[in-house]
Amino acid sequence: QKKWEDISLEEHIKMRMDEGMTKKEAVKAVAEER
């Protein structure tokens, strides 16, 4: 979880969506990672 402290939630979500995730999938992944 500490690995993600240096980027914002928005940046984190965008990173996962750029990898091909839908917004719903990205929200779930980011919540778990943080």
PDB file of all heavy atoms in Angstrom:
ATOM      1  N   GLN A   1       0.818  -1.211   0.000  1.00  0.00           N
ATOM      2  CA  GLN A   1       0.000   0.000   0.000  1.00  0.00           C
ATOM      3  C   GLN A   1       0.855   1.266   0.000  1.00  0.00           C
ATOM      4  O   GLN A   1       0.504   2.266  -0.632  1.00  0.00           O
ATOM      5  CB  GLN A   1      -0.940  -0.013   1.214  1.00  0.00           C
ATOM      6  CG  GLN A   1      -2.037  -1.072   1.105  1.00  0.00           C
ATOM      7  CD  GLN A   1      -2.685  -1.405   2.427  1.00  0.00           C
ATOM      8  OE1 GLN A   1      -2.500  -0.694   3.421  1.00  0.00           O
ATOM      9  NE2 GLN A   1      -3.450  -2.496   2.466  1.00  0.00           N
ATOM     10  N   LYS A   2       2.007   1.204   0.675  1.00  0.00           N
ATOM     11  CA  LYS A   2       2.881   2.383   0.738  1.00  0.00           C
ATOM     12  C   LYS A   2       3.456   2.735  -0.629  1.00  0.00           C
ATOM     13  O   LYS A   2       3.821   3.891  -0.870  1.00  0.00           O
ATOM     14  CB  LYS A   2       4.016   2.127   1.731  1.00  0.00           C
ATOM     15  CG  LYS A   2       3.602   2.304   3.184  1.00  0.00           C
ATOM     16  CD  LYS A   2       4.797   2.125   4.114  1.00  0.00           C
ATOM     17  CE  LYS A   2       4.373   2.363   5.569  1.00  0.00           C
ATOM     18  NZ  LYS A   2       5.514   2.153   6.491  1.00  0.00           N
ATOM     19  N   LYS A   3       3.541   1.740  -1.511  1.00  0.00           N
ATOM     20  CA  LYS A   3       4.103   1.997  -2.840  1.00  0.00           C
ATOM     21  C   LYS A   3       3.274   3.013  -3.615  1.00  0.00           C
ATOM     22  O   LYS A   3       3.765   3.658  -4.538  1.00  0.00           O
ATOM     23  CB  LYS A   3       4.175   0.689  -3.645  1.00  0.00           C
ATOM     24  CG  LYS A   3       5.204  -0.290  -3.146  1.00  0.00           C
ATOM     25  CD  LYS A   3       5.498  -1.379  -4.166  1.00  0.00           C
ATOM     26  CE  LYS A   3       4.266  -2.113  -4.603  1.00  0.00           C
ATOM     27  NZ  LYS A   3       4.577  -3.296  -5.465  1.00  0.00           N
ATOM     28  N   TRP A   4       1.976   3.154  -3.249  1.00  0.00           N
ATOM     29  CA  TRP A   4       1.082   4.006  -4.025  1.00  0.00           C
ATOM     30  C   TRP A   4       0.902   5.389  -3.393  1.00  0.00           C
ATOM     31  O   TRP A   4       0.145   6.210  -3.911  1.00  0.00           O
ATOM     32  CB  TRP A   4      -0.280   3.333  -4.156  1.00  0.00           C
ATOM     33  CG  TRP A   4      -0.194   1.967  -4.771  1.00  0.00           C
ATOM     34  CD1 TRP A   4      -0.379   0.779  -4.143  1.00  0.00           C
ATOM     35  CD2 TRP A   4       0.154   1.656  -6.120  1.00  0.00           C
ATOM     36  NE1 TRP A   4      -0.190  -0.259  -5.004  1.00  0.00           N
ATOM     37  CE2 TRP A   4       0.146   0.250  -6.234  1.00  0.00           C
ATOM     38  CE3 TRP A   4       0.457   2.427  -7.235  1.00  0.00           C
ATOM     39  CZ2 TRP A   4       0.435  -0.397  -7.429  1.00  0.00           C
ATOM     40  CZ3 TRP A   4       0.746   1.790  -8.426  1.00  0.00           C
ATOM     41  CH2 TRP A   4       0.735   0.390  -8.521  1.00  0.00           C
ATOM     42  N   GLU A   5       1.627   5.661  -2.312  1.00  0.00           N
ATOM     43  CA  GLU A   5       1.428   6.932  -1.619  1.00  0.00           C
ATOM     44  C   GLU A   5       1.900   8.132  -2.434  1.00  0.00           C
ATOM     45  O   GLU A   5       1.457   9.259  -2.214  1.00  0.00           O
ATOM     46  CB  GLU A   5       2.145   6.908  -0.264  1.00  0.00           C
ATOM     47  CG  GLU A   5       1.481   5.984   0.757  1.00  0.00           C
ATOM     48  CD  GLU A   5       2.206   5.985   2.092  1.00  0.00           C
ATOM     49  OE1 GLU A   5       3.291   6.620   2.174  1.00  0.00           O
ATOM     50  OE2 GLU A   5       1.696   5.371   3.043  1.00  0.00           O
ATOM     51  N   ASP A   6       2.824   7.892  -3.366  1.00  0.00           N
ATOM     52  CA  ASP A   6       3.409   9.006  -4.117  1.00  0.00           C
ATOM     53  C   ASP A   6       2.591   9.407  -5.348  1.00  0.00           C
ATOM     54  O   ASP A   6       2.941  10.368  -6.035  1.00  0.00           O
ATOM     55  CB  ASP A   6       4.834   8.658  -4.555  1.00  0.00           C
ATOM     56  CG  ASP A   6       5.777   8.535  -3.377  1.00  0.00           C
ATOM     57  OD1 ASP A   6       5.501   9.157  -2.335  1.00  0.00           O
ATOM     58  OD2 ASP A   6       6.781   7.806  -3.494  1.00  0.00           O
ATOM     59  N   ILE A   7       1.526   8.655  -5.658  1.00  0.00           N
ATOM     60  CA  ILE A   7       0.678   9.059  -6.785  1.00  0.00           C
ATOM     61  C   ILE A   7      -0.765   9.204  -6.296  1.00  0.00           C
ATOM     62  O   ILE A   7      -1.184   8.542  -5.346  1.00  0.00           O
ATOM     63  CB  ILE A   7       0.750   8.056  -7.963  1.00  0.00           C
ATOM     64  CG1 ILE A   7       0.145   6.702  -7.568  1.00  0.00           C
ATOM     65  CG2 ILE A   7       2.176   7.887  -8.451  1.00  0.00           C
ATOM     66  CD1 ILE A   7       0.021   5.756  -8.749  1.00  0.00           C
ATOM     67  N   SER A   8      -1.501  10.042  -6.967  1.00  0.00           N
ATOM     68  CA  SER A   8      -2.891  10.300  -6.560  1.00  0.00           C
ATOM     69  C   SER A   8      -3.794   9.144  -6.974  1.00  0.00           C
ATOM     70  O   SER A   8      -3.416   8.307  -7.797  1.00  0.00           O
ATOM     71  CB  SER A   8      -3.387  11.593  -7.207  1.00  0.00           C
ATOM     72  OG  SER A   8      -3.504  11.419  -8.613  1.00  0.00           O
ATOM     73  N   LEU A   9      -4.993   9.133  -6.410  1.00  0.00           N
ATOM     74  CA  LEU A   9      -5.976   8.118  -6.783  1.00  0.00           C
ATOM     75  C   LEU A   9      -6.290   8.203  -8.275  1.00  0.00           C
ATOM     76  O   LEU A   9      -6.389   7.180  -8.960  1.00  0.00           O
ATOM     77  CB  LEU A   9      -7.261   8.311  -5.977  1.00  0.00           C
ATOM     78  CG  LEU A   9      -7.332   7.640  -4.597  1.00  0.00           C
ATOM     79  CD1 LEU A   9      -8.602   8.073  -3.876  1.00  0.00           C
ATOM     80  CD2 LEU A   9      -7.297   6.137  -4.744  1.00  0.00           C
ATOM     81  N   GLU A  10      -6.442   9.431  -8.769  1.00  0.00           N
ATOM     82  CA  GLU A  10      -6.765   9.608 -10.170  1.00  0.00           C
ATOM     83  C   GLU A  10      -5.666   9.031 -11.075  1.00  0.00           C
ATOM     84  O   GLU A  10      -5.943   8.351 -12.067  1.00  0.00           O
ATOM     85  CB  GLU A  10      -6.974  11.097 -10.486  1.00  0.00           C
ATOM     86  CG  GLU A  10      -8.238  11.706  -9.873  1.00  0.00           C
ATOM     87  CD  GLU A  10      -8.053  12.066  -8.399  1.00  0.00           C
ATOM     88  OE1 GLU A  10      -6.918  11.937  -7.894  1.00  0.00           O
ATOM     89  OE2 GLU A  10      -9.036  12.465  -7.766  1.00  0.00           O
ATOM     90  N   GLU A  11      -4.412   9.301 -10.711  1.00  0.00           N
ATOM     91  CA  GLU A  11      -3.285   8.790 -11.497  1.00  0.00           C
ATOM     92  C   GLU A  11      -3.230   7.261 -11.450  1.00  0.00           C
ATOM     93  O   GLU A  11      -2.930   6.608 -12.452  1.00  0.00           O
ATOM     94  CB  GLU A  11      -1.972   9.373 -10.976  1.00  0.00           C
ATOM     95  CG  GLU A  11      -1.802  10.858 -11.250  1.00  0.00           C
ATOM     96  CD  GLU A  11      -0.593  11.431 -10.536  1.00  0.00           C
ATOM     97  OE1 GLU A  11      -0.287  10.990  -9.399  1.00  0.00           O
ATOM     98  OE2 GLU A  11       0.050  12.332 -11.107  1.00  0.00           O
ATOM     99  N   HIS A  12      -3.525   6.722 -10.270  1.00  0.00           N
ATOM    100  CA  HIS A  12      -3.510   5.272 -10.084  1.00  0.00           C
ATOM    101  C   HIS A  12      -4.587   4.608 -10.949  1.00  0.00           C
ATOM    102  O   HIS A  12      -4.339   3.613 -11.646  1.00  0.00           O
ATOM    103  CB  HIS A  12      -3.728   4.956  -8.607  1.00  0.00           C
ATOM    104  CG  HIS A  12      -3.380   3.553  -8.227  1.00  0.00           C
ATOM    105  ND1 HIS A  12      -3.261   3.149  -6.918  1.00  0.00           N
ATOM    106  CD2 HIS A  12      -3.138   2.437  -8.967  1.00  0.00           C
ATOM    107  CE1 HIS A  12      -2.948   1.859  -6.875  1.00  0.00           C
ATOM    108  NE2 HIS A  12      -2.881   1.411  -8.114  1.00  0.00           N
ATOM    109  N   ILE A  13      -5.782   5.187 -10.939  1.00  0.00           N
ATOM    110  CA  ILE A  13      -6.891   4.648 -11.740  1.00  0.00           C
ATOM    111  C   ILE A  13      -6.552   4.725 -13.227  1.00  0.00           C
ATOM    112  O   ILE A  13      -6.744   3.769 -13.981  1.00  0.00           O
ATOM    113  CB  ILE A  13      -8.196   5.423 -11.459  1.00  0.00           C
ATOM    114  CG1 ILE A  13      -8.629   5.220 -10.003  1.00  0.00           C
ATOM    115  CG2 ILE A  13      -9.307   4.968 -12.408  1.00  0.00           C
ATOM    116  CD1 ILE A  13      -9.675   6.213  -9.531  1.00  0.00           C
ATOM    117  N   LYS A  14      -6.006   5.873 -13.650  1.00  0.00           N
ATOM    118  CA  LYS A  14      -5.655   6.060 -15.058  1.00  0.00           C
ATOM    119  C   LYS A  14      -4.587   5.050 -15.496  1.00  0.00           C
ATOM    120  O   LYS A  14      -4.631   4.513 -16.609  1.00  0.00           O
ATOM    121  CB  LYS A  14      -5.160   7.486 -15.283  1.00  0.00           C
ATOM    122  CG  LYS A  14      -4.960   7.824 -16.765  1.00  0.00           C
ATOM    123  CD  LYS A  14      -4.621   9.286 -16.946  1.00  0.00           C
ATOM    124  CE  LYS A  14      -4.541   9.640 -18.430  1.00  0.00           C
ATOM    125  NZ  LYS A  14      -3.585   8.813 -19.182  1.00  0.00           N
ATOM    126  N   MET A  15      -3.632   4.767 -14.601  1.00  0.00           N
ATOM    127  CA  MET A  15      -2.583   3.801 -14.914  1.00  0.00           C
ATOM    128  C   MET A  15      -3.187   2.442 -15.239  1.00  0.00           C
ATOM    129  O   MET A  15      -2.806   1.776 -16.205  1.00  0.00           O
ATOM    130  CB  MET A  15      -1.625   3.671 -13.720  1.00  0.00           C
ATOM    131  CG  MET A  15      -0.480   2.681 -13.934  1.00  0.00           C
ATOM    132  SD  MET A  15       0.400   2.307 -12.382  1.00  0.00           S
ATOM    133  CE  MET A  15       0.908   3.938 -11.874  1.00  0.00           C
ATOM    134  N   ARG A  16      -4.134   2.008 -14.407  1.00  0.00           N
ATOM    135  CA  ARG A  16      -4.763   0.706 -14.621  1.00  0.00           C
ATOM    136  C   ARG A  16      -5.642   0.719 -15.877  1.00  0.00           C
ATOM    137  O   ARG A  16      -5.695  -0.267 -16.619  1.00  0.00           O
ATOM    138  CB  ARG A  16      -5.597   0.313 -13.382  1.00  0.00           C
ATOM    139  CG  ARG A  16      -4.761   0.034 -12.147  1.00  0.00           C
ATOM    140  CD  ARG A  16      -3.910  -1.203 -12.347  1.00  0.00           C
ATOM    141  NE  ARG A  16      -2.973  -1.421 -11.256  1.00  0.00           N
ATOM    142  CZ  ARG A  16      -1.663  -1.406 -11.409  1.00  0.00           C
ATOM    143  NH1 ARG A  16      -1.132  -1.171 -12.599  1.00  0.00           N
ATOM    144  NH2 ARG A  16      -0.871  -1.629 -10.382  1.00  0.00           N
ATOM    145  N   MET A  17      -6.320   1.819 -16.133  1.00  0.00           N
ATOM    146  CA  MET A  17      -7.153   1.899 -17.347  1.00  0.00           C
ATOM    147  C   MET A  17      -6.277   1.918 -18.598  1.00  0.00           C
ATOM    148  O   MET A  17      -6.650   1.344 -19.632  1.00  0.00           O
ATOM    149  CB  MET A  17      -8.054   3.137 -17.286  1.00  0.00           C
ATOM    150  CG  MET A  17      -9.145   3.028 -16.218  1.00  0.00           C
ATOM    151  SD  MET A  17     -10.149   4.523 -16.077  1.00  0.00           S
ATOM    152  CE  MET A  17     -10.984   4.525 -17.670  1.00  0.00           C
ATOM    153  N   ASP A  18      -5.108   2.548 -18.522  1.00  0.00           N
ATOM    154  CA  ASP A  18      -4.177   2.553 -19.659  1.00  0.00           C
ATOM    155  C   ASP A  18      -3.659   1.148 -19.965  1.00  0.00           C
ATOM    156  O   ASP A  18      -3.205   0.873 -21.078  1.00  0.00           O
ATOM    157  CB  ASP A  18      -2.996   3.485 -19.372  1.00  0.00           C
ATOM    158  CG  ASP A  18      -3.403   4.964 -19.419  1.00  0.00           C
ATOM    159  OD1 ASP A  18      -4.490   5.251 -19.954  1.00  0.00           O
ATOM    160  OD2 ASP A  18      -2.643   5.803 -18.902  1.00  0.00           O
ATOM    161  N   GLU A  19      -3.715   0.274 -18.951  1.00  0.00           N
ATOM    162  CA  GLU A  19      -3.289  -1.118 -19.137  1.00  0.00           C
ATOM    163  C   GLU A  19      -4.385  -1.963 -19.783  1.00  0.00           C
ATOM    164  O   GLU A  19      -4.182  -3.144 -20.065  1.00  0.00           O
ATOM    165  CB  GLU A  19      -2.894  -1.737 -17.799  1.00  0.00           C
ATOM    166  CG  GLU A  19      -1.631  -1.116 -17.188  1.00  0.00           C
ATOM    167  CD  GLU A  19      -1.364  -1.589 -15.773  1.00  0.00           C
ATOM    168  OE1 GLU A  19      -2.235  -2.288 -15.188  1.00  0.00           O
ATOM    169  OE2 GLU A  19      -0.290  -1.252 -15.233  1.00  0.00           O
ATOM    170  N   GLY A  20      -5.569  -1.368 -19.973  1.00  0.00           N
ATOM    171  CA  GLY A  20      -6.642  -2.085 -20.648  1.00  0.00           C
ATOM    172  C   GLY A  20      -7.834  -2.407 -19.766  1.00  0.00           C
ATOM    173  O   GLY A  20      -8.799  -3.031 -20.224  1.00  0.00           O
ATOM    174  N   MET A  21      -7.782  -2.009 -18.493  1.00  0.00           N
ATOM    175  CA  MET A  21      -8.914  -2.279 -17.605  1.00  0.00           C
ATOM    176  C   MET A  21     -10.059  -1.312 -17.894  1.00  0.00           C
ATOM    177  O   MET A  21      -9.842  -0.163 -18.309  1.00  0.00           O
ATOM    178  CB  MET A  21      -8.510  -2.123 -16.135  1.00  0.00           C
ATOM    179  CG  MET A  21      -7.579  -3.193 -15.616  1.00  0.00           C
ATOM    180  SD  MET A  21      -7.317  -2.967 -13.821  1.00  0.00           S
ATOM    181  CE  MET A  21      -6.174  -4.299 -13.475  1.00  0.00           C
ATOM    182  N   THR A  22     -11.298  -1.786 -17.648  1.00  0.00           N
ATOM    183  CA  THR A  22     -12.444  -0.875 -17.679  1.00  0.00           C
ATOM    184  C   THR A  22     -12.375  -0.038 -16.403  1.00  0.00           C
ATOM    185  O   THR A  22     -11.617  -0.339 -15.471  1.00  0.00           O
ATOM    186  CB  THR A  22     -13.764  -1.655 -17.700  1.00  0.00           C
ATOM    187  OG1 THR A  22     -13.885  -2.393 -16.474  1.00  0.00           O
ATOM    188  CG2 THR A  22     -13.819  -2.612 -18.889  1.00  0.00           C
ATOM    189  N   LYS A  23     -13.184   1.022 -16.364  1.00  0.00           N
ATOM    190  CA  LYS A  23     -13.179   1.870 -15.176  1.00  0.00           C
ATOM    191  C   LYS A  23     -13.600   1.076 -13.938  1.00  0.00           C
ATOM    192  O   LYS A  23     -13.013   1.217 -12.857  1.00  0.00           O
ATOM    193  CB  LYS A  23     -14.105   3.070 -15.370  1.00  0.00           C
ATOM    194  CG  LYS A  23     -14.042   4.065 -14.212  1.00  0.00           C
ATOM    195  CD  LYS A  23     -14.899   5.290 -14.452  1.00  0.00           C
ATOM    196  CE  LYS A  23     -14.294   6.191 -15.503  1.00  0.00           C
ATOM    197  NZ  LYS A  23     -14.989   7.494 -15.604  1.00  0.00           N
ATOM    198  N   LYS A  24     -14.569   0.195 -14.107  1.00  0.00           N
ATOM    199  CA  LYS A  24     -15.045  -0.618 -12.985  1.00  0.00           C
ATOM    200  C   LYS A  24     -13.934  -1.549 -12.472  1.00  0.00           C
ATOM    201  O   LYS A  24     -13.726  -1.691 -11.264  1.00  0.00           O
ATOM    202  CB  LYS A  24     -16.258  -1.445 -13.414  1.00  0.00           C
ATOM    203  CG  LYS A  24     -16.867  -2.279 -12.304  1.00  0.00           C
ATOM    204  CD  LYS A  24     -18.098  -3.029 -12.805  1.00  0.00           C
ATOM    205  CE  LYS A  24     -18.698  -3.873 -11.679  1.00  0.00           C
ATOM    206  NZ  LYS A  24     -19.900  -4.631 -12.156  1.00  0.00           N
ATOM    207  N   GLU A  25     -13.239  -2.170 -13.426  1.00  0.00           N
ATOM    208  CA  GLU A  25     -12.143  -3.073 -13.052  1.00  0.00           C
ATOM    209  C   GLU A  25     -11.009  -2.307 -12.383  1.00  0.00           C
ATOM    210  O   GLU A  25     -10.397  -2.776 -11.416  1.00  0.00           O
ATOM    211  CB  GLU A  25     -11.609  -3.787 -14.292  1.00  0.00           C
ATOM    212  CG  GLU A  25     -12.571  -4.817 -14.869  1.00  0.00           C
ATOM    213  CD  GLU A  25     -12.129  -5.319 -16.239  1.00  0.00           C
ATOM    214  OE1 GLU A  25     -11.316  -4.622 -16.903  1.00  0.00           O
ATOM    215  OE2 GLU A  25     -12.596  -6.399 -16.649  1.00  0.00           O
ATOM    216  N   ALA A  26     -10.723  -1.104 -12.890  1.00  0.00           N
ATOM    217  CA  ALA A  26      -9.655  -0.288 -12.330  1.00  0.00           C
ATOM    218  C   ALA A  26      -9.981   0.139 -10.909  1.00  0.00           C
ATOM    219  O   ALA A  26      -9.114   0.143 -10.032  1.00  0.00           O
ATOM    220  CB  ALA A  26      -9.414   0.936 -13.210  1.00  0.00           C
ATOM    221  N   VAL A  27     -11.239   0.504 -10.665  1.00  0.00           N
ATOM    222  CA  VAL A  27     -11.666   0.901  -9.313  1.00  0.00           C
ATOM    223  C   VAL A  27     -11.443  -0.251  -8.333  1.00  0.00           C
ATOM    224  O   VAL A  27     -10.915  -0.063  -7.235  1.00  0.00           O
ATOM    225  CB  VAL A  27     -13.148   1.331  -9.322  1.00  0.00           C
ATOM    226  CG1 VAL A  27     -13.687   1.431  -7.895  1.00  0.00           C
ATOM    227  CG2 VAL A  27     -13.300   2.669 -10.038  1.00  0.00           C
ATOM    228  N   LYS A  28     -11.841  -1.436  -8.728  1.00  0.00           N
ATOM    229  CA  LYS A  28     -11.675  -2.606  -7.859  1.00  0.00           C
ATOM    230  C   LYS A  28     -10.195  -2.887  -7.588  1.00  0.00           C
ATOM    231  O   LYS A  28      -9.795  -3.135  -6.440  1.00  0.00           O
ATOM    232  CB  LYS A  28     -12.326  -3.826  -8.508  1.00  0.00           C
ATOM    233  CG  LYS A  28     -12.236  -5.079  -7.651  1.00  0.00           C
ATOM    234  CD  LYS A  28     -12.901  -6.274  -8.347  1.00  0.00           C
ATOM    235  CE  LYS A  28     -12.778  -7.533  -7.480  1.00  0.00           C
ATOM    236  NZ  LYS A  28     -13.370  -8.711  -8.164  1.00  0.00           N
ATOM    237  N   ALA A  29      -9.374  -2.827  -8.644  1.00  0.00           N
ATOM    238  CA  ALA A  29      -7.951  -3.117  -8.503  1.00  0.00           C
ATOM    239  C   ALA A  29      -7.271  -2.093  -7.601  1.00  0.00           C
ATOM    240  O   ALA A  29      -6.483  -2.448  -6.714  1.00  0.00           O
ATOM    241  CB  ALA A  29      -7.280  -3.137  -9.872  1.00  0.00           C
ATOM    242  N   VAL A  30      -7.564  -0.831  -7.803  1.00  0.00           N
ATOM    243  CA  VAL A  30      -6.936   0.240  -7.016  1.00  0.00           C
ATOM    244  C   VAL A  30      -7.342   0.138  -5.544  1.00  0.00           C
ATOM    245  O   VAL A  30      -6.526   0.338  -4.641  1.00  0.00           O
ATOM    246  CB  VAL A  30      -7.295   1.620  -7.600  1.00  0.00           C
ATOM    247  CG1 VAL A  30      -6.868   2.742  -6.653  1.00  0.00           C
ATOM    248  CG2 VAL A  30      -6.628   1.787  -8.961  1.00  0.00           C
ATOM    249  N   ALA A  31      -8.613  -0.171  -5.316  1.00  0.00           N
ATOM    250  CA  ALA A  31      -9.078  -0.322  -3.929  1.00  0.00           C
ATOM    251  C   ALA A  31      -8.319  -1.438  -3.219  1.00  0.00           C
ATOM    252  O   ALA A  31      -7.910  -1.302  -2.058  1.00  0.00           O
ATOM    253  CB  ALA A  31     -10.580  -0.609  -3.913  1.00  0.00           C
ATOM    254  N   GLU A  32      -8.125  -2.547  -3.915  1.00  0.00           N
ATOM    255  CA  GLU A  32      -7.398  -3.670  -3.323  1.00  0.00           C
ATOM    256  C   GLU A  32      -5.928  -3.326  -3.094  1.00  0.00           C
ATOM    257  O   GLU A  32      -5.354  -3.644  -2.054  1.00  0.00           O
ATOM    258  CB  GLU A  32      -7.503  -4.897  -4.230  1.00  0.00           C
ATOM    259  CG  GLU A  32      -8.891  -5.520  -4.264  1.00  0.00           C
ATOM    260  CD  GLU A  32      -8.981  -6.678  -5.235  1.00  0.00           C
ATOM    261  OE1 GLU A  32      -8.002  -6.918  -5.983  1.00  0.00           O
ATOM    262  OE2 GLU A  32     -10.039  -7.351  -5.262  1.00  0.00           O
ATOM    263  N   GLU A  33      -5.319  -2.651  -4.062  1.00  0.00           N
ATOM    264  CA  GLU A  33      -3.897  -2.328  -3.966  1.00  0.00           C
ATOM    265  C   GLU A  33      -3.616  -1.317  -2.862  1.00  0.00           C
ATOM    266  O   GLU A  33      -2.573  -1.368  -2.210  1.00  0.00           O
ATOM    267  CB  GLU A  33      -3.388  -1.812  -5.309  1.00  0.00           C
ATOM    268  CG  GLU A  33      -3.298  -2.911  -6.362  1.00  0.00           C
ATOM    269  CD  GLU A  33      -3.136  -2.392  -7.766  1.00  0.00           C
ATOM    270  OE1 GLU A  33      -3.241  -1.164  -7.976  1.00  0.00           O
ATOM    271  OE2 GLU A  33      -2.906  -3.213  -8.669  1.00  0.00           O
ATOM    272  N   ARG A  34      -4.546  -0.403  -2.638  1.00  0.00           N
ATOM    273  CA  ARG A  34      -4.348   0.620  -1.617  1.00  0.00           C
ATOM    274  C   ARG A  34      -4.945   0.236  -0.270  1.00  0.00           C
ATOM    275  O   ARG A  34      -4.656   0.883   0.740  1.00  0.00           O
ATOM    276  CB  ARG A  34      -4.962   1.950  -2.079  1.00  0.00           C
ATOM    277  CG  ARG A  34      -4.173   2.631  -3.189  1.00  0.00           C
ATOM    278  CD  ARG A  34      -4.822   3.928  -3.602  1.00  0.00           C
ATOM    279  NE  ARG A  34      -4.032   4.656  -4.562  1.00  0.00           N
ATOM    280  CZ  ARG A  34      -3.264   5.734  -4.293  1.00  0.00           C
ATOM    281  NH1 ARG A  34      -3.214   6.191  -3.058  1.00  0.00           N
ATOM    282  NH2 ARG A  34      -2.574   6.327  -5.243  1.00  0.00           N
TER     283      ARG A  34
END
